[in-house]
């Protein structure tokens, strides 16, 4: 898998990130950690790790950290991988087997034998609702739309012109992907309890932003369809 780069967004992850990197040592994968230049504790925690590069984002926000790092990526494939220990490295093999015939492959906690030790009741319900909206509005067949354990072709990602700098990234990517008629697949995955730290998502504030983004993209989609019909 030397044509694959793991994109690890990190913000104050000095406790968990070194442990996560240790679990990846035996894999032939490039690793790019995307973080702010002033996150000194996280930087110091991984400075002795091998085969790891640091990418300093110029903007701010979760989505910005990801899109800037993926734009910088120079391998054929990329995979978003959490710094908190909740993603299982063994799923990388499953994702990689499918990516050659797809533009993107998504992991989902809501297909058997998937599951989660970190999902809360609120995030579970919210994810189910947003996944259903994605299906109704865009015929998007992803059961776990907010779960960003995904692998993609770097070239395909760059064609989507992702704009979101915050957690709206989670829905903008799959929606634009399906509107561009790109191929995708899903695999079940089991999310582990995070090693340290708290969720950085504000369930209500970010949930509202995500809903508004889905409505915005739906209106754009409807307008474009009308123009094509005419």
C-alpha atoms as a PDB file:
ATOM      1  CA  UNK A   1       0.000   0.000   0.000  1.00  0.00           C
ATOM      2  CA  UNK A   2       2.868   2.358  -0.738  1.00  0.00           C
ATOM      3  CA  UNK A   3       0.577   4.334  -3.083  1.00  0.00           C
ATOM      4  CA  UNK A   4      -1.632   5.287  -0.112  1.00  0.00           C
ATOM      5  CA  UNK A   5      -1.302   8.210   2.306  1.00  0.00           C
ATOM      6  CA  UNK A   6      -3.075   8.314   5.643  1.00  0.00           C
ATOM      7  CA  UNK A   7      -4.358  11.818   6.335  1.00  0.00           C
ATOM      8  CA  UNK A   8      -4.559  12.264  10.109  1.00  0.00           C
ATOM      9  CA  UNK A   9      -6.172  15.519  11.274  1.00  0.00           C
ATOM     10  CA  UNK A  10      -4.839  16.278  14.741  1.00  0.00           C
ATOM     11  CA  UNK A  11      -5.763  18.944  17.248  1.00  0.00           C
ATOM     12  CA  UNK A  12      -4.435  18.593  20.793  1.00  0.00           C
ATOM     13  CA  UNK A  13      -3.957  14.847  20.320  1.00  0.00           C
ATOM     14  CA  UNK A  14      -0.603  14.434  22.093  1.00  0.00           C
ATOM     15  CA  UNK A  15      -1.973  11.666  24.348  1.00  0.00           C
ATOM     16  CA  UNK A  16      -3.498   9.458  21.683  1.00  0.00           C
ATOM     17  CA  UNK A  17      -1.614  10.149  18.453  1.00  0.00           C
ATOM     18  CA  UNK A  18       1.687   8.400  19.387  1.00  0.00           C
ATOM     19  CA  UNK A  19      -0.276   5.270  20.343  1.00  0.00           C
ATOM     20  CA  UNK A  20      -2.215   5.372  17.069  1.00  0.00           C
ATOM     21  CA  UNK A  21       0.995   5.687  15.060  1.00  0.00           C
ATOM     22  CA  UNK A  22       2.433   2.664  16.872  1.00  0.00           C
ATOM     23  CA  UNK A  23      -0.491   0.557  15.621  1.00  0.00           C
ATOM     24  CA  UNK A  24       0.364   1.537  12.036  1.00  0.00           C
ATOM     25  CA  UNK A  25       4.106   0.835  12.127  1.00  0.00           C
ATOM     26  CA  UNK A  26       3.931  -2.495  10.285  1.00  0.00           C
ATOM     27  CA  UNK A  27       1.979  -1.109   7.336  1.00  0.00           C
ATOM     28  CA  UNK A  28       3.671   0.228   4.199  1.00  0.00           C
ATOM     29  CA  UNK A  29       1.730   3.460   4.209  1.00  0.00           C
ATOM     30  CA  UNK A  30       2.747   7.091   4.090  1.00  0.00           C
ATOM     31  CA  UNK A  31       1.368   9.138   6.970  1.00  0.00           C
ATOM     32  CA  UNK A  32       0.610  12.848   6.836  1.00  0.00           C
ATOM     33  CA  UNK A  33      -0.462  14.535  10.066  1.00  0.00           C
ATOM     34  CA  UNK A  34      -2.395  17.736   9.458  1.00  0.00           C
ATOM     35  CA  UNK A  35      -2.358  20.243  12.303  1.00  0.00           C
ATOM     36  CA  UNK A  36      -1.714  23.834  13.317  1.00  0.00           C
ATOM     37  CA  UNK A  37       1.867  24.990  13.628  1.00  0.00           C
ATOM     38  CA  UNK A  38       1.275  26.198  17.189  1.00  0.00           C
ATOM     39  CA  UNK A  39       0.045  22.791  18.433  1.00  0.00           C
ATOM     40  CA  UNK A  40       3.427  22.236  20.084  1.00  0.00           C
ATOM     41  CA  UNK A  41       2.412  19.390  22.409  1.00  0.00           C
ATOM     42  CA  UNK A  42       1.086  17.266  19.523  1.00  0.00           C
ATOM     43  CA  UNK A  43       4.128  18.059  17.379  1.00  0.00           C
ATOM     44  CA  UNK A  44       6.548  17.072  20.155  1.00  0.00           C
ATOM     45  CA  UNK A  45       4.661  13.841  20.814  1.00  0.00           C
ATOM     46  CA  UNK A  46       5.419  12.482  17.320  1.00  0.00           C
ATOM     47  CA  UNK A  47       8.775  14.080  16.467  1.00  0.00           C
ATOM     48  CA  UNK A  48      10.620  10.762  16.848  1.00  0.00           C
ATOM     49  CA  UNK A  49       8.149   8.697  14.831  1.00  0.00           C
ATOM     50  CA  UNK A  50       9.387   7.197  11.558  1.00  0.00           C
ATOM     51  CA  UNK A  51       7.709   7.564   8.142  1.00  0.00           C
ATOM     52  CA  UNK A  52       5.570  10.417   9.423  1.00  0.00           C
ATOM     53  CA  UNK A  53       5.340  13.886   7.884  1.00  0.00           C
ATOM     54  CA  UNK A  54       3.747  16.956   9.397  1.00  0.00           C
ATOM     55  CA  UNK A  55       1.543  19.245   7.326  1.00  0.00           C
ATOM     56  CA  UNK A  56       0.760  22.658   8.787  1.00  0.00           C
ATOM     57  CA  UNK A  57      -2.642  23.885   7.676  1.00  0.00           C
ATOM     58  CA  UNK A  58      -2.830  27.548   6.702  1.00  0.00           C
ATOM     59  CA  UNK A  59      -6.494  27.927   7.631  1.00  0.00           C
ATOM     60  CA  UNK A  60      -8.498  26.608  10.550  1.00  0.00           C
ATOM     61  CA  UNK A  61     -11.149  23.996  11.175  1.00  0.00           C
ATOM     62  CA  UNK A  62     -11.599  20.256  10.720  1.00  0.00           C
ATOM     63  CA  UNK A  63     -12.618  20.440   7.067  1.00  0.00           C
ATOM     64  CA  UNK A  64      -9.805  22.836   6.258  1.00  0.00           C
ATOM     65  CA  UNK A  65      -7.272  20.513   7.872  1.00  0.00           C
ATOM     66  CA  UNK A  66      -8.455  17.640   5.692  1.00  0.00           C
ATOM     67  CA  UNK A  67      -8.898  19.380   2.350  1.00  0.00           C
ATOM     68  CA  UNK A  68      -5.553  21.191   2.524  1.00  0.00           C
ATOM     69  CA  UNK A  69      -3.713  17.983   3.392  1.00  0.00           C
ATOM     70  CA  UNK A  70      -5.464  15.957   0.673  1.00  0.00           C
ATOM     71  CA  UNK A  71      -4.692  18.662  -1.895  1.00  0.00           C
ATOM     72  CA  UNK A  72      -1.042  18.354  -0.787  1.00  0.00           C
ATOM     73  CA  UNK A  73      -1.135  14.536  -1.017  1.00  0.00           C
ATOM     74  CA  UNK A  74       0.993  13.079  -3.837  1.00  0.00           C
ATOM     75  CA  UNK A  75      -0.065   9.406  -3.751  1.00  0.00           C
ATOM     76  CA  UNK A  76      -2.772   7.775  -5.854  1.00  0.00           C
ATOM     77  CA  UNK A  77      -4.975   7.099  -2.833  1.00  0.00           C
ATOM     78  CA  UNK A  78      -5.623   8.745   0.521  1.00  0.00           C
ATOM     79  CA  UNK A  79      -7.460   7.666   3.652  1.00  0.00           C
ATOM     80  CA  UNK A  80      -8.781   9.859   6.444  1.00  0.00           C
ATOM     81  CA  UNK A  81      -7.731   8.317   9.751  1.00  0.00           C
ATOM     82  CA  UNK A  82      -8.589   9.671  13.201  1.00  0.00           C
ATOM     83  CA  UNK A  83      -5.892  10.578  15.719  1.00  0.00           C
ATOM     84  CA  UNK A  84      -7.968   9.514  18.724  1.00  0.00           C
ATOM     85  CA  UNK A  85      -7.668   5.730  18.369  1.00  0.00           C
ATOM     86  CA  UNK A  86     -11.281   5.124  17.359  1.00  0.00           C
ATOM     87  CA  UNK A  87     -10.501   3.749  13.880  1.00  0.00           C
ATOM     88  CA  UNK A  88      -9.295   0.176  13.434  1.00  0.00           C
ATOM     89  CA  UNK A  89      -6.163  -0.236  11.257  1.00  0.00           C
ATOM     90  CA  UNK A  90      -7.331  -3.677  10.070  1.00  0.00           C
ATOM     91  CA  UNK A  91     -10.130  -1.981   8.109  1.00  0.00           C
ATOM     92  CA  UNK A  92      -7.525  -0.286   5.920  1.00  0.00           C
ATOM     93  CA  UNK A  93      -6.958  -3.585   4.103  1.00  0.00           C
ATOM     94  CA  UNK A  94     -10.687  -3.947   3.385  1.00  0.00           C
ATOM     95  CA  UNK A  95     -10.963  -0.368   2.142  1.00  0.00           C
ATOM     96  CA  UNK A  96      -7.887  -0.765  -0.039  1.00  0.00           C
ATOM     97  CA  UNK A  97      -9.226  -3.897  -1.745  1.00  0.00           C
ATOM     98  CA  UNK A  98     -12.265  -1.951  -2.953  1.00  0.00           C
ATOM     99  CA  UNK A  99     -10.776   1.434  -3.808  1.00  0.00           C
ATOM    100  CA  UNK A 100      -9.252   0.316  -7.118  1.00  0.00           C
ATOM    101  CA  UNK A 101     -12.741  -0.099  -8.592  1.00  0.00           C
ATOM    102  CA  UNK A 102     -14.244   2.960  -6.914  1.00  0.00           C
ATOM    103  CA  UNK A 103     -13.613   6.649  -6.419  1.00  0.00           C
ATOM    104  CA  UNK A 104     -14.382   6.419  -2.695  1.00  0.00           C
ATOM    105  CA  UNK A 105     -15.003   3.682  -0.124  1.00  0.00           C
ATOM    106  CA  UNK A 106     -16.732   4.480   3.161  1.00  0.00           C
ATOM    107  CA  UNK A 107     -16.686   2.658   6.476  1.00  0.00           C
ATOM    108  CA  UNK A 108     -19.996   2.458   8.320  1.00  0.00           C
ATOM    109  CA  UNK A 109     -20.842   1.617  11.931  1.00  0.00           C
ATOM    110  CA  UNK A 110     -24.460   0.863  11.079  1.00  0.00           C
ATOM    111  CA  UNK A 111     -24.105  -2.253   8.957  1.00  0.00           C
ATOM    112  CA  UNK A 112     -23.471  -5.636  10.594  1.00  0.00           C
ATOM    113  CA  UNK A 113     -21.033  -6.585  12.036  1.00  0.00           C
ATOM    114  CA  UNK A 114     -20.196  -2.897  12.518  1.00  0.00           C
ATOM    115  CA  UNK A 115     -20.878  -0.951  15.673  1.00  0.00           C
ATOM    116  CA  UNK A 116     -19.427   1.619  18.028  1.00  0.00           C
ATOM    117  CA  UNK A 117     -18.100   2.009  21.550  1.00  0.00           C
ATOM    118  CA  UNK A 118     -17.881   5.783  21.126  1.00  0.00           C
ATOM    119  CA  UNK A 119     -21.206   6.792  19.562  1.00  0.00           C
ATOM    120  CA  UNK A 120     -23.663   8.589  21.855  1.00  0.00           C
ATOM    121  CA  UNK A 121     -27.457   8.509  21.657  1.00  0.00           C
ATOM    122  CA  UNK A 122     -27.521  12.064  20.274  1.00  0.00           C
ATOM    123  CA  UNK A 123     -24.845  11.468  17.621  1.00  0.00           C
ATOM    124  CA  UNK A 124     -26.474   8.143  16.697  1.00  0.00           C
ATOM    125  CA  UNK A 125     -29.877   9.753  16.115  1.00  0.00           C
ATOM    126  CA  UNK A 126     -28.361  12.743  14.327  1.00  0.00           C
ATOM    127  CA  UNK A 127     -26.333  10.537  12.019  1.00  0.00           C
ATOM    128  CA  UNK A 128     -29.350   8.402  11.189  1.00  0.00           C
ATOM    129  CA  UNK A 129     -31.375  11.517  10.327  1.00  0.00           C
ATOM    130  CA  UNK A 130     -28.667  13.060   8.158  1.00  0.00           C
ATOM    131  CA  UNK A 131     -28.009   9.748   6.407  1.00  0.00           C
ATOM    132  CA  UNK A 132     -31.737   9.473   5.645  1.00  0.00           C
ATOM    133  CA  UNK A 133     -31.822  13.032   4.290  1.00  0.00           C
ATOM    134  CA  UNK A 134     -28.845  12.194   2.087  1.00  0.00           C
ATOM    135  CA  UNK A 135     -30.715   9.194   0.726  1.00  0.00           C
ATOM    136  CA  UNK A 136     -33.981  11.071   0.097  1.00  0.00           C
ATOM    137  CA  UNK A 137     -32.461  14.243  -1.366  1.00  0.00           C
ATOM    138  CA  UNK A 138     -29.551  12.763  -3.308  1.00  0.00           C
ATOM    139  CA  UNK A 139     -30.155   8.976  -3.512  1.00  0.00           C
ATOM    140  CA  UNK A 140     -26.967   8.647  -1.468  1.00  0.00           C
ATOM    141  CA  UNK A 141     -26.662   5.061  -0.258  1.00  0.00           C
ATOM    142  CA  UNK A 142     -24.437   5.643   2.771  1.00  0.00           C
ATOM    143  CA  UNK A 143     -25.816   4.570   6.143  1.00  0.00           C
ATOM    144  CA  UNK A 144     -23.242   6.522   8.193  1.00  0.00           C
ATOM    145  CA  UNK A 145     -22.808   9.861   6.413  1.00  0.00           C
ATOM    146  CA  UNK A 146     -20.989  11.661   9.245  1.00  0.00           C
ATOM    147  CA  UNK A 147     -18.389   8.941   9.818  1.00  0.00           C
ATOM    148  CA  UNK A 148     -15.253  10.106   8.028  1.00  0.00           C
ATOM    149  CA  UNK A 149     -13.354   6.820   7.975  1.00  0.00           C
ATOM    150  CA  UNK A 150     -13.046   6.741   4.198  1.00  0.00           C
ATOM    151  CA  UNK A 151     -10.546   6.049   1.456  1.00  0.00           C
ATOM    152  CA  UNK A 152     -10.508   7.798  -1.889  1.00  0.00           C
ATOM    153  CA  UNK A 153      -8.671   8.392  -5.103  1.00  0.00           C
ATOM    154  CA  UNK A 154      -6.749  11.626  -4.643  1.00  0.00           C
ATOM    155  CA  UNK A 155      -7.516  12.744  -8.191  1.00  0.00           C
ATOM    156  CA  UNK A 156     -11.258  12.204  -7.665  1.00  0.00           C
ATOM    157  CA  UNK A 157     -11.251  14.271  -4.474  1.00  0.00           C
ATOM    158  CA  UNK A 158      -9.517  17.181  -6.168  1.00  0.00           C
ATOM    159  CA  UNK A 159     -12.238  17.278  -8.838  1.00  0.00           C
ATOM    160  CA  UNK A 160     -14.936  17.983  -6.228  1.00  0.00           C
ATOM    161  CA  UNK A 161     -13.700  21.420  -5.146  1.00  0.00           C
ATOM    162  CA  UNK A 162     -14.665  20.971  -1.510  1.00  0.00           C
ATOM    163  CA  UNK A 163     -15.340  24.331   0.165  1.00  0.00           C
ATOM    164  CA  UNK A 164     -16.183  23.504   3.788  1.00  0.00           C
ATOM    165  CA  UNK A 165     -13.637  24.366   6.455  1.00  0.00           C
ATOM    166  CA  UNK A 166     -15.618  22.896   9.347  1.00  0.00           C
ATOM    167  CA  UNK A 167     -17.611  19.718  10.001  1.00  0.00           C
ATOM    168  CA  UNK A 168     -19.828  20.393   6.968  1.00  0.00           C
ATOM    169  CA  UNK A 169     -16.996  18.660   5.114  1.00  0.00           C
ATOM    170  CA  UNK A 170     -18.552  15.350   6.268  1.00  0.00           C
ATOM    171  CA  UNK A 171     -21.623  15.820   4.074  1.00  0.00           C
ATOM    172  CA  UNK A 172     -20.243  18.036   1.307  1.00  0.00           C
ATOM    173  CA  UNK A 173     -17.831  15.327   0.174  1.00  0.00           C
ATOM    174  CA  UNK A 174     -20.296  12.422  -0.293  1.00  0.00           C
ATOM    175  CA  UNK A 175     -23.026  14.678  -1.721  1.00  0.00           C
ATOM    176  CA  UNK A 176     -20.734  16.240  -4.320  1.00  0.00           C
ATOM    177  CA  UNK A 177     -19.360  12.777  -5.041  1.00  0.00           C
ATOM    178  CA  UNK A 178     -22.772  11.360  -5.913  1.00  0.00           C
ATOM    179  CA  UNK A 179     -23.760  14.483  -7.887  1.00  0.00           C
ATOM    180  CA  UNK A 180     -20.599  13.968  -9.944  1.00  0.00           C
ATOM    181  CA  UNK A 181     -21.689  10.365 -10.653  1.00  0.00           C
ATOM    182  CA  UNK A 182     -18.595   8.934  -9.012  1.00  0.00           C
ATOM    183  CA  UNK A 183     -18.441   5.291  -7.935  1.00  0.00           C
ATOM    184  CA  UNK A 184     -18.446   4.381  -4.254  1.00  0.00           C
ATOM    185  CA  UNK A 185     -18.843   1.446  -1.913  1.00  0.00           C
ATOM    186  CA  UNK A 186     -19.163   0.810   1.838  1.00  0.00           C
ATOM    187  CA  UNK A 187     -17.782  -1.666   4.372  1.00  0.00           C
ATOM    188  CA  UNK A 188     -18.939  -2.341   7.948  1.00  0.00           C
ATOM    189  CA  UNK A 189     -16.569  -1.086  10.638  1.00  0.00           C
ATOM    190  CA  UNK A 190     -16.452  -1.163  14.426  1.00  0.00           C
ATOM    191  CA  UNK A 191     -15.546   2.128  16.097  1.00  0.00           C
ATOM    192  CA  UNK A 192     -13.429   1.814  19.233  1.00  0.00           C
ATOM    193  CA  UNK A 193     -13.605   3.998  22.324  1.00  0.00           C
ATOM    194  CA  UNK A 194     -11.297   6.980  21.859  1.00  0.00           C
ATOM    195  CA  UNK A 195      -8.022   6.770  23.758  1.00  0.00           C
ATOM    196  CA  UNK A 196      -8.129  10.291  25.158  1.00  0.00           C
ATOM    197  CA  UNK A 197      -9.820  13.636  24.752  1.00  0.00           C
ATOM    198  CA  UNK A 198     -13.388  14.611  24.003  1.00  0.00           C
ATOM    199  CA  UNK A 199     -15.432  14.754  20.839  1.00  0.00           C
ATOM    200  CA  UNK A 200     -14.698  17.989  19.028  1.00  0.00           C
ATOM    201  CA  UNK A 201     -18.137  18.038  17.425  1.00  0.00           C
ATOM    202  CA  UNK A 202     -20.838  20.169  19.049  1.00  0.00           C
ATOM    203  CA  UNK A 203     -23.870  17.986  18.380  1.00  0.00           C
ATOM    204  CA  UNK A 204     -26.396  20.826  18.143  1.00  0.00           C
ATOM    205  CA  UNK A 205     -24.338  23.669  16.663  1.00  0.00           C
ATOM    206  CA  UNK A 206     -22.517  21.531  14.105  1.00  0.00           C
ATOM    207  CA  UNK A 207     -25.689  19.535  13.459  1.00  0.00           C
ATOM    208  CA  UNK A 208     -27.490  22.728  12.424  1.00  0.00           C
ATOM    209  CA  UNK A 209     -24.618  23.755  10.154  1.00  0.00           C
ATOM    210  CA  UNK A 210     -24.630  20.313   8.530  1.00  0.00           C
ATOM    211  CA  UNK A 211     -28.392  20.464   7.962  1.00  0.00           C
ATOM    212  CA  UNK A 212     -28.123  23.904   6.361  1.00  0.00           C
ATOM    213  CA  UNK A 213     -25.311  22.674   4.114  1.00  0.00           C
ATOM    214  CA  UNK A 214     -27.405  19.719   2.931  1.00  0.00           C
ATOM    215  CA  UNK A 215     -30.311  22.042   2.159  1.00  0.00           C
ATOM    216  CA  UNK A 216     -27.972  24.427   0.300  1.00  0.00           C
ATOM    217  CA  UNK A 217     -26.566  21.642  -1.847  1.00  0.00           C
ATOM    218  CA  UNK A 218     -30.063  20.288  -2.497  1.00  0.00           C
ATOM    219  CA  UNK A 219     -31.259  23.687  -3.758  1.00  0.00           C
ATOM    220  CA  UNK A 220     -28.205  23.965  -6.012  1.00  0.00           C
ATOM    221  CA  UNK A 221     -28.911  20.441  -7.274  1.00  0.00           C
ATOM    222  CA  UNK A 222     -32.557  21.295  -8.033  1.00  0.00           C
ATOM    223  CA  UNK A 223     -31.595  24.488  -9.882  1.00  0.00           C
ATOM    224  CA  UNK A 224     -29.018  22.665 -12.002  1.00  0.00           C
ATOM    225  CA  UNK A 225     -31.505  19.920 -12.856  1.00  0.00           C
ATOM    226  CA  UNK A 226     -34.078  22.487 -14.011  1.00  0.00           C
ATOM    227  CA  UNK A 227     -31.495  24.126 -16.270  1.00  0.00           C
ATOM    228  CA  UNK A 228     -30.540  20.766 -17.757  1.00  0.00           C
ATOM    229  CA  UNK A 229     -34.186  19.874 -18.417  1.00  0.00           C
ATOM    230  CA  UNK A 230     -34.746  23.199 -20.196  1.00  0.00           C
END
